[in-house]
């Protein structure tokens, strides 16, 4: 993914008064459409993805979890060593 190591989405109100994701939120959703979902933790509120184009690992979380549906997303690139620590069932040790 040609992006920074972290993207944090926000919800904004568009011209018609609807609450929608901002540009970063849309980029996150587009990236997740290309990524491979590998695992989850914390009851699904944290999800691990693999970017098959470069082998990088990404974790999706929700920084405003008090909002409906968990709020907007945050996508963070994480090193393989952290993947092994956070998702031991994947057997990456």
PDB file of N, CA and C in Angstrom:
ATOM      1  N   UNK A   1       0.852  -1.178   0.000  1.00  0.00           N
ATOM      2  CA  UNK A   1       0.000   0.000   0.000  1.00  0.00           C
ATOM      3  C   UNK A   1       0.884   1.222   0.000  1.00  0.00           C
ATOM      4  N   UNK A   2       0.705   2.092  -0.928  1.00  0.00           N
ATOM      5  CA  UNK A   2       1.504   3.301  -1.035  1.00  0.00           C
ATOM      6  C   UNK A   2       0.893   4.374  -0.137  1.00  0.00           C
ATOM      7  N   UNK A   3       1.216   4.312   1.163  1.00  0.00           N
ATOM      8  CA  UNK A   3       0.595   5.207   2.132  1.00  0.00           C
ATOM      9  C   UNK A   3       1.515   5.345   3.332  1.00  0.00           C
ATOM     10  N   UNK A   4       1.188   6.266   4.216  1.00  0.00           N
ATOM     11  CA  UNK A   4       1.963   6.362   5.456  1.00  0.00           C
ATOM     12  C   UNK A   4       1.752   5.105   6.302  1.00  0.00           C
ATOM     13  N   UNK A   5       2.482   5.007   7.399  1.00  0.00           N
ATOM     14  CA  UNK A   5       2.365   3.844   8.271  1.00  0.00           C
ATOM     15  C   UNK A   5       1.079   3.819   9.073  1.00  0.00           C
ATOM     16  N   UNK A   6       0.320   4.909   9.009  1.00  0.00           N
ATOM     17  CA  UNK A   6      -0.923   4.970   9.763  1.00  0.00           C
ATOM     18  C   UNK A   6      -1.905   5.904   9.068  1.00  0.00           C
ATOM     19  N   UNK A   7      -3.142   5.474   8.992  1.00  0.00           N
ATOM     20  CA  UNK A   7      -4.228   6.302   8.472  1.00  0.00           C
ATOM     21  C   UNK A   7      -5.344   6.307   9.512  1.00  0.00           C
ATOM     22  N   UNK A   8      -5.841   7.480   9.836  1.00  0.00           N
ATOM     23  CA  UNK A   8      -6.942   7.591  10.781  1.00  0.00           C
ATOM     24  C   UNK A   8      -8.098   8.290  10.098  1.00  0.00           C
ATOM     25  N   UNK A   9      -9.199   7.583   9.981  1.00  0.00           N
ATOM     26  CA  UNK A   9     -10.380   8.140   9.344  1.00  0.00           C
ATOM     27  C   UNK A   9     -11.201   8.980  10.309  1.00  0.00           C
ATOM     28  N   UNK A  10     -12.071   9.771   9.754  1.00  0.00           N
ATOM     29  CA  UNK A  10     -13.016  10.571  10.529  1.00  0.00           C
ATOM     30  C   UNK A  10     -14.356  10.553   9.826  1.00  0.00           C
ATOM     31  N   UNK A  11     -15.380  10.825  10.577  1.00  0.00           N
ATOM     32  CA  UNK A  11     -16.694  10.996   9.996  1.00  0.00           C
ATOM     33  C   UNK A  11     -16.960  12.477   9.856  1.00  0.00           C
ATOM     34  N   UNK A  12     -17.521  12.845   8.723  1.00  0.00           N
ATOM     35  CA  UNK A  12     -17.845  14.246   8.443  1.00  0.00           C
ATOM     36  C   UNK A  12     -19.291  14.325   7.935  1.00  0.00           C
ATOM     37  N   UNK A  13     -19.831  15.514   7.940  1.00  0.00           N
ATOM     38  CA  UNK A  13     -21.177  15.740   7.411  1.00  0.00           C
ATOM     39  C   UNK A  13     -21.023  16.302   6.007  1.00  0.00           C
ATOM     40  N   UNK A  14     -21.636  15.621   5.023  1.00  0.00           N
ATOM     41  CA  UNK A  14     -21.526  16.099   3.645  1.00  0.00           C
ATOM     42  C   UNK A  14     -22.556  17.200   3.367  1.00  0.00           C
ATOM     43  N   UNK A  15     -22.589  17.665   2.120  1.00  0.00           N
ATOM     44  CA  UNK A  15     -23.461  18.787   1.729  1.00  0.00           C
ATOM     45  C   UNK A  15     -24.937  18.499   1.960  1.00  0.00           C
ATOM     46  N   UNK A  16     -25.304  17.217   1.899  1.00  0.00           N
ATOM     47  CA  UNK A  16     -26.716  16.870   2.063  1.00  0.00           C
ATOM     48  C   UNK A  16     -27.086  16.582   3.520  1.00  0.00           C
ATOM     49  N   UNK A  17     -26.106  16.711   4.419  1.00  0.00           N
ATOM     50  CA  UNK A  17     -26.373  16.483   5.833  1.00  0.00           C
ATOM     51  C   UNK A  17     -26.143  15.058   6.296  1.00  0.00           C
ATOM     52  N   UNK A  18     -25.644  14.196   5.408  1.00  0.00           N
ATOM     53  CA  UNK A  18     -25.353  12.808   5.783  1.00  0.00           C
ATOM     54  C   UNK A  18     -23.984  12.719   6.442  1.00  0.00           C
ATOM     55  N   UNK A  19     -23.855  11.814   7.391  1.00  0.00           N
ATOM     56  CA  UNK A  19     -22.557  11.538   8.001  1.00  0.00           C
ATOM     57  C   UNK A  19     -21.860  10.488   7.145  1.00  0.00           C
ATOM     58  N   UNK A  20     -20.670  10.835   6.653  1.00  0.00           N
ATOM     59  CA  UNK A  20     -19.911   9.952   5.761  1.00  0.00           C
ATOM     60  C   UNK A  20     -18.449   9.934   6.207  1.00  0.00           C
ATOM     61  N   UNK A  21     -17.711   8.970   5.688  1.00  0.00           N
ATOM     62  CA  UNK A  21     -16.282   8.902   5.968  1.00  0.00           C
ATOM     63  C   UNK A  21     -15.526   9.937   5.168  1.00  0.00           C
ATOM     64  N   UNK A  22     -14.480  10.496   5.772  1.00  0.00           N
ATOM     65  CA  UNK A  22     -13.633  11.454   5.065  1.00  0.00           C
ATOM     66  C   UNK A  22     -12.707  10.717   4.097  1.00  0.00           C
ATOM     67  N   UNK A  23     -11.785  11.442   3.485  1.00  0.00           N
ATOM     68  CA  UNK A  23     -10.887  10.853   2.491  1.00  0.00           C
ATOM     69  C   UNK A  23     -10.055   9.717   3.091  1.00  0.00           C
ATOM     70  N   UNK A  24      -9.542   9.910   4.299  1.00  0.00           N
ATOM     71  CA  UNK A  24      -8.734   8.861   4.939  1.00  0.00           C
ATOM     72  C   UNK A  24      -9.571   7.619   5.201  1.00  0.00           C
ATOM     73  N   UNK A  25     -10.814   7.802   5.646  1.00  0.00           N
ATOM     74  CA  UNK A  25     -11.696   6.656   5.889  1.00  0.00           C
ATOM     75  C   UNK A  25     -11.960   5.904   4.586  1.00  0.00           C
ATOM     76  N   UNK A  26     -12.155   6.622   3.497  1.00  0.00           N
ATOM     77  CA  UNK A  26     -12.364   5.976   2.206  1.00  0.00           C
ATOM     78  C   UNK A  26     -11.116   5.218   1.752  1.00  0.00           C
ATOM     79  N   UNK A  27      -9.926   5.797   1.993  1.00  0.00           N
ATOM     80  CA  UNK A  27      -8.676   5.113   1.647  1.00  0.00           C
ATOM     81  C   UNK A  27      -8.520   3.823   2.447  1.00  0.00           C
ATOM     82  N   UNK A  28      -8.904   3.868   3.727  1.00  0.00           N
ATOM     83  CA  UNK A  28      -8.837   2.672   4.566  1.00  0.00           C
ATOM     84  C   UNK A  28      -9.752   1.593   4.004  1.00  0.00           C
ATOM     85  N   UNK A  29     -10.977   1.948   3.698  1.00  0.00           N
ATOM     86  CA  UNK A  29     -11.931   0.964   3.179  1.00  0.00           C
ATOM     87  C   UNK A  29     -11.475   0.390   1.843  1.00  0.00           C
ATOM     88  N   UNK A  30     -10.901   1.217   0.986  1.00  0.00           N
ATOM     89  CA  UNK A  30     -10.378   0.729  -0.292  1.00  0.00           C
ATOM     90  C   UNK A  30      -9.222  -0.243  -0.067  1.00  0.00           C
ATOM     91  N   UNK A  31      -8.318   0.094   0.860  1.00  0.00           N
ATOM     92  CA  UNK A  31      -7.185  -0.780   1.162  1.00  0.00           C
ATOM     93  C   UNK A  31      -7.674  -2.119   1.704  1.00  0.00           C
ATOM     94  N   UNK A  32      -8.644  -2.088   2.603  1.00  0.00           N
ATOM     95  CA  UNK A  32      -9.158  -3.332   3.179  1.00  0.00           C
ATOM     96  C   UNK A  32      -9.773  -4.228   2.108  1.00  0.00           C
ATOM     97  N   UNK A  33     -10.284  -3.625   1.057  1.00  0.00           N
ATOM     98  CA  UNK A  33     -10.824  -4.407  -0.051  1.00  0.00           C
ATOM     99  C   UNK A  33      -9.757  -5.168  -0.816  1.00  0.00           C
ATOM    100  N   UNK A  34      -8.522  -4.703  -0.745  1.00  0.00           N
ATOM    101  CA  UNK A  34      -7.401  -5.361  -1.421  1.00  0.00           C
ATOM    102  C   UNK A  34      -6.626  -6.288  -0.490  1.00  0.00           C
ATOM    103  N   UNK A  35      -6.724  -6.044   0.793  1.00  0.00           N
ATOM    104  CA  UNK A  35      -5.970  -6.810   1.783  1.00  0.00           C
ATOM    105  C   UNK A  35      -6.617  -8.168   2.043  1.00  0.00           C
ATOM    106  N   UNK A  36      -5.827  -9.065   2.624  1.00  0.00           N
ATOM    107  CA  UNK A  36      -6.304 -10.371   3.058  1.00  0.00           C
ATOM    108  C   UNK A  36      -6.476 -10.340   4.570  1.00  0.00           C
ATOM    109  N   UNK A  37      -7.665 -10.674   5.024  1.00  0.00           N
ATOM    110  CA  UNK A  37      -7.936 -10.698   6.460  1.00  0.00           C
ATOM    111  C   UNK A  37      -7.325 -11.962   7.046  1.00  0.00           C
ATOM    112  N   UNK A  38      -6.505 -11.810   8.102  1.00  0.00           N
ATOM    113  CA  UNK A  38      -5.809 -12.952   8.686  1.00  0.00           C
ATOM    114  C   UNK A  38      -6.362 -13.394  10.031  1.00  0.00           C
ATOM    115  N   UNK A  39      -6.698 -12.434  10.883  1.00  0.00           N
ATOM    116  CA  UNK A  39      -7.107 -12.788  12.237  1.00  0.00           C
ATOM    117  C   UNK A  39      -7.764 -11.584  12.896  1.00  0.00           C
ATOM    118  N   UNK A  40      -8.303 -11.832  14.087  1.00  0.00           N
ATOM    119  CA  UNK A  40      -8.881 -10.736  14.864  1.00  0.00           C
ATOM    120  C   UNK A  40      -8.650 -11.014  16.341  1.00  0.00           C
ATOM    121  N   UNK A  41      -8.806  -9.982  17.131  1.00  0.00           N
ATOM    122  CA  UNK A  41      -8.736 -10.119  18.585  1.00  0.00           C
ATOM    123  C   UNK A  41      -9.663  -9.076  19.184  1.00  0.00           C
ATOM    124  N   UNK A  42      -9.785  -9.103  20.495  1.00  0.00           N
ATOM    125  CA  UNK A  42     -10.647  -8.155  21.200  1.00  0.00           C
ATOM    126  C   UNK A  42     -12.080  -8.204  20.667  1.00  0.00           C
ATOM    127  N   UNK A  43     -12.559  -9.416  20.456  1.00  0.00           N
ATOM    128  CA  UNK A  43     -13.935  -9.584  20.001  1.00  0.00           C
ATOM    129  C   UNK A  43     -14.214  -9.010  18.624  1.00  0.00           C
ATOM    130  N   UNK A  44     -13.178  -8.897  17.806  1.00  0.00           N
ATOM    131  CA  UNK A  44     -13.355  -8.392  16.449  1.00  0.00           C
ATOM    132  C   UNK A  44     -13.120  -6.898  16.303  1.00  0.00           C
ATOM    133  N   UNK A  45     -12.818  -6.218  17.392  1.00  0.00           N
ATOM    134  CA  UNK A  45     -12.583  -4.769  17.320  1.00  0.00           C
ATOM    135  C   UNK A  45     -11.184  -4.435  16.816  1.00  0.00           C
ATOM    136  N   UNK A  46     -10.314  -5.422  16.782  1.00  0.00           N
ATOM    137  CA  UNK A  46      -8.974  -5.272  16.211  1.00  0.00           C
ATOM    138  C   UNK A  46      -8.788  -6.408  15.221  1.00  0.00           C
ATOM    139  N   UNK A  47      -8.472  -6.058  13.983  1.00  0.00           N
ATOM    140  CA  UNK A  47      -8.369  -7.056  12.930  1.00  0.00           C
ATOM    141  C   UNK A  47      -7.033  -6.921  12.211  1.00  0.00           C
ATOM    142  N   UNK A  48      -6.390  -8.053  11.961  1.00  0.00           N
ATOM    143  CA  UNK A  48      -5.106  -8.096  11.273  1.00  0.00           C
ATOM    144  C   UNK A  48      -5.316  -8.401   9.800  1.00  0.00           C
ATOM    145  N   UNK A  49      -4.626  -7.650   8.957  1.00  0.00           N
ATOM    146  CA  UNK A  49      -4.683  -7.835   7.501  1.00  0.00           C
ATOM    147  C   UNK A  49      -3.276  -7.935   6.934  1.00  0.00           C
ATOM    148  N   UNK A  50      -3.177  -8.584   5.799  1.00  0.00           N
ATOM    149  CA  UNK A  50      -1.935  -8.677   5.037  1.00  0.00           C
ATOM    150  C   UNK A  50      -2.136  -7.962   3.710  1.00  0.00           C
ATOM    151  N   UNK A  51      -1.187  -7.096   3.365  1.00  0.00           N
ATOM    152  CA  UNK A  51      -1.200  -6.469   2.045  1.00  0.00           C
ATOM    153  C   UNK A  51      -0.433  -7.399   1.112  1.00  0.00           C
ATOM    154  N   UNK A  52      -1.127  -8.122   0.235  1.00  0.00           N
ATOM    155  CA  UNK A  52      -0.438  -9.096  -0.617  1.00  0.00           C
ATOM    156  C   UNK A  52       0.517  -8.460  -1.624  1.00  0.00           C
ATOM    157  N   UNK A  53       0.392  -7.171  -1.861  1.00  0.00           N
ATOM    158  CA  UNK A  53       1.269  -6.535  -2.847  1.00  0.00           C
ATOM    159  C   UNK A  53       2.696  -6.364  -2.339  1.00  0.00           C
ATOM    160  N   UNK A  54       2.869  -6.248  -1.005  1.00  0.00           N
ATOM    161  CA  UNK A  54       4.222  -6.063  -0.475  1.00  0.00           C
ATOM    162  C   UNK A  54       4.505  -6.881   0.785  1.00  0.00           C
ATOM    163  N   UNK A  55       3.540  -7.665   1.241  1.00  0.00           N
ATOM    164  CA  UNK A  55       3.752  -8.512   2.406  1.00  0.00           C
ATOM    165  C   UNK A  55       3.681  -7.794   3.745  1.00  0.00           C
ATOM    166  N   UNK A  56       3.236  -6.551   3.742  1.00  0.00           N
ATOM    167  CA  UNK A  56       3.159  -5.807   5.002  1.00  0.00           C
ATOM    168  C   UNK A  56       1.893  -6.172   5.768  1.00  0.00           C
ATOM    169  N   UNK A  57       1.981  -6.030   7.086  1.00  0.00           N
ATOM    170  CA  UNK A  57       0.855  -6.325   7.969  1.00  0.00           C
ATOM    171  C   UNK A  57       0.225  -5.029   8.450  1.00  0.00           C
ATOM    172  N   UNK A  58      -1.098  -5.046   8.523  1.00  0.00           N
ATOM    173  CA  UNK A  58      -1.861  -3.869   8.922  1.00  0.00           C
ATOM    174  C   UNK A  58      -2.904  -4.276   9.959  1.00  0.00           C
ATOM    175  N   UNK A  59      -3.099  -3.411  10.926  1.00  0.00           N
ATOM    176  CA  UNK A  59      -4.095  -3.674  11.951  1.00  0.00           C
ATOM    177  C   UNK A  59      -5.152  -2.573  11.906  1.00  0.00           C
ATOM    178  N   UNK A  60      -6.409  -2.989  11.830  1.00  0.00           N
ATOM    179  CA  UNK A  60      -7.525  -2.040  11.834  1.00  0.00           C
ATOM    180  C   UNK A  60      -8.121  -1.993  13.237  1.00  0.00           C
ATOM    181  N   UNK A  61      -8.217  -0.787  13.776  1.00  0.00           N
ATOM    182  CA  UNK A  61      -8.832  -0.562  15.070  1.00  0.00           C
ATOM    183  C   UNK A  61      -9.842   0.566  14.933  1.00  0.00           C
ATOM    184  N   UNK A  62     -10.526   0.853  16.023  1.00  0.00           N
ATOM    185  CA  UNK A  62     -11.532   1.916  16.042  1.00  0.00           C
ATOM    186  C   UNK A  62     -11.213   2.854  17.201  1.00  0.00           C
ATOM    187  N   UNK A  63     -10.762   4.062  16.882  1.00  0.00           N
ATOM    188  CA  UNK A  63     -10.291   4.990  17.920  1.00  0.00           C
ATOM    189  C   UNK A  63     -11.426   5.691  18.651  1.00  0.00           C
ATOM    190  N   UNK A  64     -12.603   5.676  18.096  1.00  0.00           N
ATOM    191  CA  UNK A  64     -13.762   6.286  18.758  1.00  0.00           C
ATOM    192  C   UNK A  64     -14.806   5.199  18.989  1.00  0.00           C
ATOM    193  N   UNK A  65     -14.391   4.168  19.709  1.00  0.00           N
ATOM    194  CA  UNK A  65     -15.224   2.978  19.853  1.00  0.00           C
ATOM    195  C   UNK A  65     -16.550   3.239  20.557  1.00  0.00           C
ATOM    196  N   UNK A  66     -16.674   4.381  21.204  1.00  0.00           N
ATOM    197  CA  UNK A  66     -17.944   4.707  21.857  1.00  0.00           C
ATOM    198  C   UNK A  66     -19.029   5.080  20.852  1.00  0.00           C
ATOM    199  N   UNK A  67     -18.648   5.369  19.606  1.00  0.00           N
ATOM    200  CA  UNK A  67     -19.615   5.720  18.571  1.00  0.00           C
ATOM    201  C   UNK A  67     -20.280   4.479  17.991  1.00  0.00           C
ATOM    202  N   UNK A  68     -21.429   4.671  17.396  1.00  0.00           N
ATOM    203  CA  UNK A  68     -22.176   3.577  16.761  1.00  0.00           C
ATOM    204  C   UNK A  68     -21.290   2.849  15.754  1.00  0.00           C
ATOM    205  N   UNK A  69     -21.268   1.537  15.833  1.00  0.00           N
ATOM    206  CA  UNK A  69     -20.484   0.743  14.892  1.00  0.00           C
ATOM    207  C   UNK A  69     -18.989   0.836  15.107  1.00  0.00           C
ATOM    208  N   UNK A  70     -18.570   1.439  16.204  1.00  0.00           N
ATOM    209  CA  UNK A  70     -17.148   1.566  16.488  1.00  0.00           C
ATOM    210  C   UNK A  70     -16.526   2.846  15.975  1.00  0.00           C
ATOM    211  N   UNK A  71     -17.300   3.636  15.257  1.00  0.00           N
ATOM    212  CA  UNK A  71     -16.761   4.893  14.733  1.00  0.00           C
ATOM    213  C   UNK A  71     -15.863   4.656  13.540  1.00  0.00           C
ATOM    214  N   UNK A  72     -15.135   5.695  13.141  1.00  0.00           N
ATOM    215  CA  UNK A  72     -14.243   5.566  11.996  1.00  0.00           C
ATOM    216  C   UNK A  72     -13.055   4.650  12.307  1.00  0.00           C
ATOM    217  N   UNK A  73     -12.402   4.202  11.261  1.00  0.00           N
ATOM    218  CA  UNK A  73     -11.301   3.244  11.374  1.00  0.00           C
ATOM    219  C   UNK A  73      -9.951   3.922  11.509  1.00  0.00           C
ATOM    220  N   UNK A  74      -9.037   3.153  12.075  1.00  0.00           N
ATOM    221  CA  UNK A  74      -7.617   3.518  12.077  1.00  0.00           C
ATOM    222  C   UNK A  74      -6.886   2.302  11.535  1.00  0.00           C
ATOM    223  N   UNK A  75      -5.991   2.513  10.581  1.00  0.00           N
ATOM    224  CA  UNK A  75      -5.231   1.442   9.960  1.00  0.00           C
ATOM    225  C   UNK A  75      -3.755   1.713  10.215  1.00  0.00           C
ATOM    226  N   UNK A  76      -3.087   0.761  10.865  1.00  0.00           N
ATOM    227  CA  UNK A  76      -1.702   0.945  11.273  1.00  0.00           C
ATOM    228  C   UNK A  76      -0.849  -0.207  10.762  1.00  0.00           C
ATOM    229  N   UNK A  77       0.270   0.132  10.109  1.00  0.00           N
ATOM    230  CA  UNK A  77       1.224  -0.894   9.669  1.00  0.00           C
ATOM    231  C   UNK A  77       1.976  -1.387  10.908  1.00  0.00           C
ATOM    232  N   UNK A  78       2.089  -2.713  11.044  1.00  0.00           N
ATOM    233  CA  UNK A  78       2.812  -3.249  12.196  1.00  0.00           C
ATOM    234  C   UNK A  78       3.883  -4.234  11.726  1.00  0.00           C
ATOM    235  N   UNK A  79       5.021  -4.256  12.437  1.00  0.00           N
ATOM    236  CA  UNK A  79       6.092  -5.184  12.057  1.00  0.00           C
ATOM    237  C   UNK A  79       5.725  -6.628  12.365  1.00  0.00           C
ATOM    238  N   UNK A  80       6.339  -7.556  11.639  1.00  0.00           N
ATOM    239  CA  UNK A  80       6.054  -8.979  11.807  1.00  0.00           C
ATOM    240  C   UNK A  80       6.276  -9.434  13.245  1.00  0.00           C
ATOM    241  N   UNK A  81       7.265  -8.881  13.940  1.00  0.00           N
ATOM    242  CA  UNK A  81       7.512  -9.267  15.334  1.00  0.00           C
ATOM    243  C   UNK A  81       6.300  -8.956  16.209  1.00  0.00           C
ATOM    244  N   UNK A  82       5.639  -7.843  15.965  1.00  0.00           N
ATOM    245  CA  UNK A  82       4.438  -7.510  16.731  1.00  0.00           C
ATOM    246  C   UNK A  82       3.275  -8.411  16.340  1.00  0.00           C
ATOM    247  N   UNK A  83       3.225  -8.819  15.094  1.00  0.00           N
ATOM    248  CA  UNK A  83       2.175  -9.742  14.664  1.00  0.00           C
ATOM    249  C   UNK A  83       2.281 -11.032  15.467  1.00  0.00           C
ATOM    250  N   UNK A  84       3.488 -11.557  15.597  1.00  0.00           N
ATOM    251  CA  UNK A  84       3.699 -12.799  16.342  1.00  0.00           C
ATOM    252  C   UNK A  84       3.304 -12.640  17.807  1.00  0.00           C
ATOM    253  N   UNK A  85       3.570 -11.490  18.391  1.00  0.00           N
ATOM    254  CA  UNK A  85       3.211 -11.235  19.793  1.00  0.00           C
ATOM    255  C   UNK A  85       1.706 -11.085  19.971  1.00  0.00           C
ATOM    256  N   UNK A  86       1.079 -10.324  19.088  1.00  0.00           N
ATOM    257  CA  UNK A  86      -0.343 -10.009  19.232  1.00  0.00           C
ATOM    258  C   UNK A  86      -1.275 -11.120  18.767  1.00  0.00           C
ATOM    259  N   UNK A  87      -0.777 -11.943  17.840  1.00  0.00           N
ATOM    260  CA  UNK A  87      -1.608 -13.008  17.258  1.00  0.00           C
ATOM    261  C   UNK A  87      -0.850 -14.328  17.314  1.00  0.00           C
ATOM    262  N   UNK A  88      -0.615 -14.849  18.526  1.00  0.00           N
ATOM    263  CA  UNK A  88       0.202 -16.074  18.647  1.00  0.00           C
ATOM    264  C   UNK A  88      -0.398 -17.299  17.957  1.00  0.00           C
ATOM    265  N   UNK A  89      -1.709 -17.314  17.763  1.00  0.00           N
ATOM    266  CA  UNK A  89      -2.345 -18.467  17.113  1.00  0.00           C
ATOM    267  C   UNK A  89      -1.960 -18.589  15.646  1.00  0.00           C
ATOM    268  N   UNK A  90      -1.401 -17.531  15.076  1.00  0.00           N
ATOM    269  CA  UNK A  90      -0.979 -17.609  13.663  1.00  0.00           C
ATOM    270  C   UNK A  90       0.288 -18.431  13.500  1.00  0.00           C
ATOM    271  N   UNK A  91       1.018 -18.672  14.602  1.00  0.00           N
ATOM    272  CA  UNK A  91       2.224 -19.498  14.549  1.00  0.00           C
ATOM    273  C   UNK A  91       3.361 -18.877  13.781  1.00  0.00           C
ATOM    274  N   UNK A  92       3.549 -17.571  13.955  1.00  0.00           N
ATOM    275  CA  UNK A  92       4.605 -16.875  13.220  1.00  0.00           C
ATOM    276  C   UNK A  92       5.897 -16.754  14.003  1.00  0.00           C
ATOM    277  N   UNK A  93       5.996 -17.371  15.158  1.00  0.00           N
ATOM    278  CA  UNK A  93       7.182 -17.239  16.004  1.00  0.00           C
ATOM    279  C   UNK A  93       8.395 -17.872  15.376  1.00  0.00           C
TER     280      UNK A  93
END
